[in-house]
Protein backbone atom coordinates (compact mmCIF):
# COMPACT_ATOMS: atom_id res chain seq x y z
CA MET A 1 -39.55 195.80 -3.02
CA ILE A 2 -38.88 194.81 0.55
CA MET A 3 -39.36 197.42 3.11
CA LEU A 4 -38.80 196.80 6.87
CA ALA A 5 -40.34 199.12 9.36
CA ARG A 6 -39.73 199.43 13.13
CA ILE A 7 -43.08 199.64 14.88
CA GLU A 8 -41.71 201.54 17.86
CA ASP A 9 -40.75 204.67 16.02
CA GLY A 10 -41.73 204.20 12.43
CA ALA A 11 -38.12 203.93 11.14
CA GLU A 12 -37.89 202.33 7.71
CA ILE A 13 -35.23 200.37 5.89
CA LEU A 14 -35.30 199.57 2.18
CA ALA A 15 -33.99 196.09 2.11
CA ARG A 16 -34.49 195.42 -1.54
CA LYS A 17 -35.24 197.91 -4.37
CA PRO A 18 -38.29 197.29 -6.61
CA GLY A 19 -37.61 194.67 -9.21
CA ALA A 20 -39.26 193.31 -12.35
CA ALA A 21 -41.61 191.01 -10.55
CA PRO A 22 -43.39 191.11 -7.16
CA VAL A 23 -41.91 189.30 -4.09
CA SER A 24 -43.95 186.16 -3.57
CA ALA A 25 -42.28 184.51 -0.60
CA LEU A 26 -40.49 185.69 2.62
CA ALA A 27 -39.02 183.62 5.43
CA TRP A 28 -37.01 184.65 8.59
CA SER A 29 -34.25 182.45 9.94
CA ALA A 30 -34.79 181.02 13.47
CA ASP A 31 -32.62 183.68 15.11
CA GLY A 32 -34.15 186.57 13.06
CA GLY A 33 -30.81 187.54 11.58
CA ASN A 34 -31.52 186.69 7.98
CA LEU A 35 -34.54 187.23 5.63
CA ALA A 36 -34.88 185.07 2.51
CA PHE A 37 -37.09 186.15 -0.31
CA GLY A 38 -38.30 184.89 -3.69
CA THR A 39 -40.05 186.66 -6.56
CA GLU A 40 -42.54 185.54 -9.14
CA ASP A 41 -39.80 185.58 -11.83
CA GLY A 42 -37.48 183.25 -9.98
CA VAL A 43 -35.15 185.61 -8.32
CA ALA A 44 -34.18 184.65 -4.75
CA GLY A 45 -31.79 185.92 -2.10
CA VAL A 46 -30.93 186.09 1.60
CA ILE A 47 -30.65 189.53 3.29
CA ASP A 48 -28.21 189.37 6.33
CA LEU A 49 -29.63 191.74 9.05
CA ALA A 50 -27.28 190.73 11.81
């Protein structure tokens, strides 16, 4: 699962539902508009937040 939270007011966004394996890698793009992820079972993706 990938959950994003805004510190200012505690707002939450579920960016990826729980899957079969844990998330093992996260990386932000330089401009902060994309979040790449990978899981222990080889699933990967990019979440566009722009």
